[in-house]
C-alpha atoms as a PDB file:
ATOM      1  CA  UNK A   1       0.028  -0.018   0.064  1.00  0.00           C
ATOM      2  CA  UNK A   2       1.154   3.437  -0.864  1.00  0.00           C
ATOM      3  CA  UNK A   3       1.673   6.095   1.783  1.00  0.00           C
ATOM      4  CA  UNK A   4       2.219   9.934   1.563  1.00  0.00           C
ATOM      5  CA  UNK A   5       4.155  11.271   4.220  1.00  0.00           C
ATOM      6  CA  UNK A   6       5.436  14.587   5.217  1.00  0.00           C
ATOM      7  CA  UNK A   7       9.032  14.507   6.520  1.00  0.00           C
ATOM      8  CA  UNK A   8       9.535  17.353   9.078  1.00  0.00           C
ATOM      9  CA  UNK A   9      13.532  18.069   9.300  1.00  0.00           C
ATOM     10  CA  UNK A  10      15.185  19.753  12.328  1.00  0.00           C
ATOM     11  CA  UNK A  11      18.160  21.624  11.995  1.00  0.00           C
ATOM     12  CA  UNK A  12      17.761  22.663   8.104  1.00  0.00           C
ATOM     13  CA  UNK A  13      18.340  26.058   7.201  1.00  0.00           C
ATOM     14  CA  UNK A  14      19.198  27.294  10.668  1.00  0.00           C
ATOM     15  CA  UNK A  15      22.437  28.051  12.300  1.00  0.00           C
ATOM     16  CA  UNK A  16      24.674  27.926   9.417  1.00  0.00           C
ATOM     17  CA  UNK A  17      23.457  24.662   8.155  1.00  0.00           C
ATOM     18  CA  UNK A  18      22.211  25.516   4.753  1.00  0.00           C
ATOM     19  CA  UNK A  19      20.515  23.073   2.257  1.00  0.00           C
ATOM     20  CA  UNK A  20      18.814  23.757  -0.854  1.00  0.00           C
ATOM     21  CA  UNK A  21      15.387  22.259  -1.425  1.00  0.00           C
ATOM     22  CA  UNK A  22      16.815  20.730  -4.764  1.00  0.00           C
ATOM     23  CA  UNK A  23      19.551  18.809  -2.930  1.00  0.00           C
ATOM     24  CA  UNK A  24      16.971  17.468  -0.143  1.00  0.00           C
ATOM     25  CA  UNK A  25      14.538  16.359  -2.979  1.00  0.00           C
ATOM     26  CA  UNK A  26      17.752  14.377  -4.386  1.00  0.00           C
ATOM     27  CA  UNK A  27      18.630  12.875  -1.321  1.00  0.00           C
ATOM     28  CA  UNK A  28      15.146  11.585  -0.581  1.00  0.00           C
ATOM     29  CA  UNK A  29      15.049  10.320  -4.466  1.00  0.00           C
ATOM     30  CA  UNK A  30      18.310   8.637  -3.854  1.00  0.00           C
ATOM     31  CA  UNK A  31      16.424   6.502  -1.130  1.00  0.00           C
ATOM     32  CA  UNK A  32      13.776   5.180  -3.689  1.00  0.00           C
ATOM     33  CA  UNK A  33      11.226   7.647  -2.380  1.00  0.00           C
ATOM     34  CA  UNK A  34       8.856   8.733  -4.952  1.00  0.00           C
ATOM     35  CA  UNK A  35       6.697  11.970  -5.685  1.00  0.00           C
ATOM     36  CA  UNK A  36       9.193  14.121  -3.749  1.00  0.00           C
ATOM     37  CA  UNK A  37       8.213  17.591  -3.240  1.00  0.00           C
ATOM     38  CA  UNK A  38       9.363  19.961  -0.766  1.00  0.00           C
ATOM     39  CA  UNK A  39       7.847  23.404   0.969  1.00  0.00           C
ATOM     40  CA  UNK A  40       9.433  26.150   1.728  1.00  0.00           C
ATOM     41  CA  UNK A  41      12.930  26.276   2.879  1.00  0.00           C
ATOM     42  CA  UNK A  42      12.544  24.968   6.430  1.00  0.00           C
ATOM     43  CA  UNK A  43      12.800  21.440   5.702  1.00  0.00           C
ATOM     44  CA  UNK A  44       9.438  20.074   4.842  1.00  0.00           C
ATOM     45  CA  UNK A  45       9.250  17.227   2.375  1.00  0.00           C
ATOM     46  CA  UNK A  46       6.369  15.184   0.888  1.00  0.00           C
ATOM     47  CA  UNK A  47       7.126  11.804  -0.616  1.00  0.00           C
ATOM     48  CA  UNK A  48       5.252   8.539  -1.081  1.00  0.00           C
ATOM     49  CA  UNK A  49       6.553   4.854  -0.386  1.00  0.00           C
ATOM     50  CA  UNK A  50       4.916   1.464  -0.086  1.00  0.00           C
ATOM     51  CA  UNK A  51       4.536  -0.223   3.122  1.00  0.00           C
ATOM     52  CA  UNK A  52       7.940   0.340   4.544  1.00  0.00           C
ATOM     53  CA  UNK A  53       7.705   0.704   8.459  1.00  0.00           C
ATOM     54  CA  UNK A  54       7.695   4.163   9.738  1.00  0.00           C
ATOM     55  CA  UNK A  55      10.324   3.682  12.514  1.00  0.00           C
ATOM     56  CA  UNK A  56      12.698   2.094   9.858  1.00  0.00           C
ATOM     57  CA  UNK A  57      12.082   4.615   7.264  1.00  0.00           C
ATOM     58  CA  UNK A  58      12.615   7.377   9.501  1.00  0.00           C
ATOM     59  CA  UNK A  59      16.097   5.807  10.712  1.00  0.00           C
ATOM     60  CA  UNK A  60      17.055   5.091   6.932  1.00  0.00           C
ATOM     61  CA  UNK A  61      16.297   8.841   6.301  1.00  0.00           C
ATOM     62  CA  UNK A  62      18.194  10.012   8.920  1.00  0.00           C
ATOM     63  CA  UNK A  63      21.022   8.006   8.333  1.00  0.00           C
ATOM     64  CA  UNK A  64      21.077   8.976   4.429  1.00  0.00           C
ATOM     65  CA  UNK A  65      20.883  12.840   5.289  1.00  0.00           C
ATOM     66  CA  UNK A  66      23.527  12.430   7.936  1.00  0.00           C
ATOM     67  CA  UNK A  67      25.978  10.762   5.492  1.00  0.00           C
ATOM     68  CA  UNK A  68      25.247  13.019   2.735  1.00  0.00           C
ATOM     69  CA  UNK A  69      25.150  16.344   4.947  1.00  0.00           C
ATOM     70  CA  UNK A  70      27.692  15.807   7.623  1.00  0.00           C
ATOM     71  CA  UNK A  71      25.398  16.533  10.463  1.00  0.00           C
ATOM     72  CA  UNK A  72      22.346  14.850  12.286  1.00  0.00           C
ATOM     73  CA  UNK A  73      18.871  15.821  10.906  1.00  0.00           C
ATOM     74  CA  UNK A  74      16.311  14.440  13.414  1.00  0.00           C
ATOM     75  CA  UNK A  75      13.287  13.859  11.283  1.00  0.00           C
ATOM     76  CA  UNK A  76       9.571  13.424  12.144  1.00  0.00           C
ATOM     77  CA  UNK A  77       7.201  11.719   9.889  1.00  0.00           C
ATOM     78  CA  UNK A  78       3.643  12.478   9.758  1.00  0.00           C
ATOM     79  CA  UNK A  79       1.022  11.389   7.352  1.00  0.00           C
ATOM     80  CA  UNK A  80      -1.507  13.762   5.638  1.00  0.00           C
ATOM     81  CA  UNK A  81      -4.331  12.318   7.841  1.00  0.00           C
ATOM     82  CA  UNK A  82      -1.935  12.986  10.990  1.00  0.00           C
ATOM     83  CA  UNK A  83      -1.457  16.339   9.831  1.00  0.00           C
ATOM     84  CA  UNK A  84      -5.384  17.178   8.879  1.00  0.00           C
ATOM     85  CA  UNK A  85      -5.894  15.937  12.745  1.00  0.00           C
ATOM     86  CA  UNK A  86      -3.239  18.326  14.039  1.00  0.00           C
ATOM     87  CA  UNK A  87      -5.262  21.224  12.071  1.00  0.00           C
ATOM     88  CA  UNK A  88      -8.387  20.116  13.009  1.00  0.00           C
ATOM     89  CA  UNK A  89      -7.628  19.574  16.658  1.00  0.00           C
ATOM     90  CA  UNK A  90      -6.705  23.499  16.601  1.00  0.00           C
ATOM     91  CA  UNK A  91      -6.294  24.139  20.529  1.00  0.00           C
ATOM     92  CA  UNK A  92      -5.302  27.523  20.001  1.00  0.00           C
ATOM     93  CA  UNK A  93      -9.009  28.688  19.254  1.00  0.00           C
ATOM     94  CA  UNK A  94      -9.933  31.677  21.398  1.00  0.00           C
ATOM     95  CA  UNK A  95      -6.293  32.456  21.937  1.00  0.00           C
ATOM     96  CA  UNK A  96      -5.657  36.084  20.934  1.00  0.00           C
ATOM     97  CA  UNK A  97      -2.715  36.288  18.783  1.00  0.00           C
ATOM     98  CA  UNK A  98      -0.532  39.514  20.125  1.00  0.00           C
ATOM     99  CA  UNK A  99       2.940  40.293  18.650  1.00  0.00           C
ATOM    100  CA  UNK A 100       4.261  38.786  21.759  1.00  0.00           C
ATOM    101  CA  UNK A 101       2.760  35.383  21.115  1.00  0.00           C
ATOM    102  CA  UNK A 102       3.715  32.507  18.922  1.00  0.00           C
ATOM    103  CA  UNK A 103       1.449  29.331  18.102  1.00  0.00           C
ATOM    104  CA  UNK A 104       3.879  26.681  17.594  1.00  0.00           C
ATOM    105  CA  UNK A 105       3.359  22.785  16.828  1.00  0.00           C
ATOM    106  CA  UNK A 106       5.963  20.692  17.976  1.00  0.00           C
ATOM    107  CA  UNK A 107       5.887  17.208  15.726  1.00  0.00           C
ATOM    108  CA  UNK A 108       6.928  14.499  17.991  1.00  0.00           C
ATOM    109  CA  UNK A 109       8.619  11.000  17.444  1.00  0.00           C
ATOM    110  CA  UNK A 110       7.129   9.782  20.721  1.00  0.00           C
ATOM    111  CA  UNK A 111       3.939  10.681  22.688  1.00  0.00           C
ATOM    112  CA  UNK A 112       4.994  13.186  25.534  1.00  0.00           C
ATOM    113  CA  UNK A 113       5.466  11.625  29.152  1.00  0.00           C
ATOM    114  CA  UNK A 114       2.773  12.041  31.685  1.00  0.00           C
ATOM    115  CA  UNK A 115       4.443  14.775  33.437  1.00  0.00           C
ATOM    116  CA  UNK A 116       4.215  16.952  30.804  1.00  0.00           C
ATOM    117  CA  UNK A 117       0.558  16.272  30.083  1.00  0.00           C
ATOM    118  CA  UNK A 118      -1.497  19.407  29.301  1.00  0.00           C
ATOM    119  CA  UNK A 119      -2.090  22.030  30.124  1.00  0.00           C
ATOM    120  CA  UNK A 120       1.323  22.830  31.725  1.00  0.00           C
ATOM    121  CA  UNK A 121       3.998  25.897  31.487  1.00  0.00           C
ATOM    122  CA  UNK A 122       7.439  26.460  31.899  1.00  0.00           C
ATOM    123  CA  UNK A 123       8.479  27.746  35.344  1.00  0.00           C
ATOM    124  CA  UNK A 124       9.689  31.273  33.708  1.00  0.00           C
ATOM    125  CA  UNK A 125       6.349  31.392  32.057  1.00  0.00           C
ATOM    126  CA  UNK A 126       8.016  31.622  28.438  1.00  0.00           C
ATOM    127  CA  UNK A 127       5.867  28.717  26.793  1.00  0.00           C
ATOM    128  CA  UNK A 128       2.645  26.859  27.762  1.00  0.00           C
ATOM    129  CA  UNK A 129       1.903  23.475  26.532  1.00  0.00           C
ATOM    130  CA  UNK A 130      -2.073  23.796  25.727  1.00  0.00           C
ATOM    131  CA  UNK A 131      -2.733  20.637  24.015  1.00  0.00           C
ATOM    132  CA  UNK A 132      -1.263  17.324  22.559  1.00  0.00           C
ATOM    133  CA  UNK A 133      -1.718  14.347  20.360  1.00  0.00           C
ATOM    134  CA  UNK A 134       0.425  11.250  20.395  1.00  0.00           C
ATOM    135  CA  UNK A 135       2.485  12.738  17.481  1.00  0.00           C
ATOM    136  CA  UNK A 136       2.196  16.595  18.179  1.00  0.00           C
ATOM    137  CA  UNK A 137       2.326  19.247  20.820  1.00  0.00           C
ATOM    138  CA  UNK A 138       0.589  22.742  20.937  1.00  0.00           C
ATOM    139  CA  UNK A 139       2.677  25.273  22.324  1.00  0.00           C
ATOM    140  CA  UNK A 140       2.086  28.952  22.818  1.00  0.00           C
ATOM    141  CA  UNK A 141       5.434  30.899  23.216  1.00  0.00           C
ATOM    142  CA  UNK A 142       5.517  34.104  25.018  1.00  0.00           C
ATOM    143  CA  UNK A 143       8.252  36.446  23.426  1.00  0.00           C
ATOM    144  CA  UNK A 144      10.576  38.555  25.860  1.00  0.00           C
ATOM    145  CA  UNK A 145      11.665  41.780  23.993  1.00  0.00           C
ATOM    146  CA  UNK A 146      10.483  40.131  20.703  1.00  0.00           C
ATOM    147  CA  UNK A 147      12.528  37.227  20.944  1.00  0.00           C
ATOM    148  CA  UNK A 148      11.845  33.422  21.575  1.00  0.00           C
ATOM    149  CA  UNK A 149      13.412  32.161  24.623  1.00  0.00           C
ATOM    150  CA  UNK A 150      15.092  29.295  22.699  1.00  0.00           C
ATOM    151  CA  UNK A 151      14.498  26.402  19.799  1.00  0.00           C
ATOM    152  CA  UNK A 152      10.830  25.717  20.740  1.00  0.00           C
ATOM    153  CA  UNK A 153      12.108  21.913  19.753  1.00  0.00           C
ATOM    154  CA  UNK A 154      13.679  21.614  22.868  1.00  0.00           C
ATOM    155  CA  UNK A 155      11.536  23.276  25.388  1.00  0.00           C
ATOM    156  CA  UNK A 156      10.917  20.067  27.169  1.00  0.00           C
ATOM    157  CA  UNK A 157      14.603  19.170  27.801  1.00  0.00           C
ATOM    158  CA  UNK A 158      15.570  15.939  29.301  1.00  0.00           C
ATOM    159  CA  UNK A 159      12.040  15.499  30.247  1.00  0.00           C
ATOM    160  CA  UNK A 160      11.036  14.443  26.803  1.00  0.00           C
ATOM    161  CA  UNK A 161      13.284  11.648  25.147  1.00  0.00           C
ATOM    162  CA  UNK A 162      12.140  11.533  21.758  1.00  0.00           C
ATOM    163  CA  UNK A 163      12.786  13.735  18.747  1.00  0.00           C
ATOM    164  CA  UNK A 164      10.609  17.124  18.119  1.00  0.00           C
ATOM    165  CA  UNK A 165      10.802  19.556  15.370  1.00  0.00           C
ATOM    166  CA  UNK A 166       8.664  22.914  15.494  1.00  0.00           C
ATOM    167  CA  UNK A 167       6.578  24.648  12.948  1.00  0.00           C
ATOM    168  CA  UNK A 168       4.136  27.677  13.479  1.00  0.00           C
ATOM    169  CA  UNK A 169       0.769  26.786  13.195  1.00  0.00           C
ATOM    170  CA  UNK A 170       0.086  29.221  10.392  1.00  0.00           C
ATOM    171  CA  UNK A 171       2.922  27.348   8.583  1.00  0.00           C
ATOM    172  CA  UNK A 172       1.403  24.006   9.448  1.00  0.00           C
ATOM    173  CA  UNK A 173      -1.997  24.717   8.064  1.00  0.00           C
ATOM    174  CA  UNK A 174      -0.253  25.832   4.684  1.00  0.00           C
ATOM    175  CA  UNK A 175       1.824  22.914   4.490  1.00  0.00           C
ATOM    176  CA  UNK A 176      -1.399  20.513   5.130  1.00  0.00           C
ATOM    177  CA  UNK A 177      -2.851  22.455   2.065  1.00  0.00           C
ATOM    178  CA  UNK A 178       0.282  21.842   0.057  1.00  0.00           C
ATOM    179  CA  UNK A 179       0.469  18.439   0.913  1.00  0.00           C
ATOM    180  CA  UNK A 180      -2.865  17.814  -0.133  1.00  0.00           C
ATOM    181  CA  UNK A 181      -2.136  19.047  -3.844  1.00  0.00           C
END
């Protein structure tokens, strides 16, 4: 059975690690993945594949990217249906967006541990976890002096042993629309 995935890549086109989207498409194609497309420069890759175990596929992608690029690229795979569920869940409804707030989705390789069950907030008050699905967490980031307090994908620190990569919610909505094309 053919499955369409969105690969959310962490550490792409940040911190001096620049990868052209054409190169990413080539790398995914080298893995035998089909219908490879990218969306914007933040490491969102659409592709189709047949029946491969998700964990094995993720490991294969991560290994190939690290060998080709020379650094680890944590990857979280999401189906189009899963991404639609993220957008449909919208736990941000009712939250007034201001210049001091960012609405962020963290795509997760593993569900959050019980001690991070929403609602919860950081001791400093710079983020609030307002909802979660097994493969996504919904976080409101509170900017200080117009800046985020760090990489949203690392908010939970050692309390979360999985891989996370973040996208703003409005970008996530656009990624879903592009994936459906």
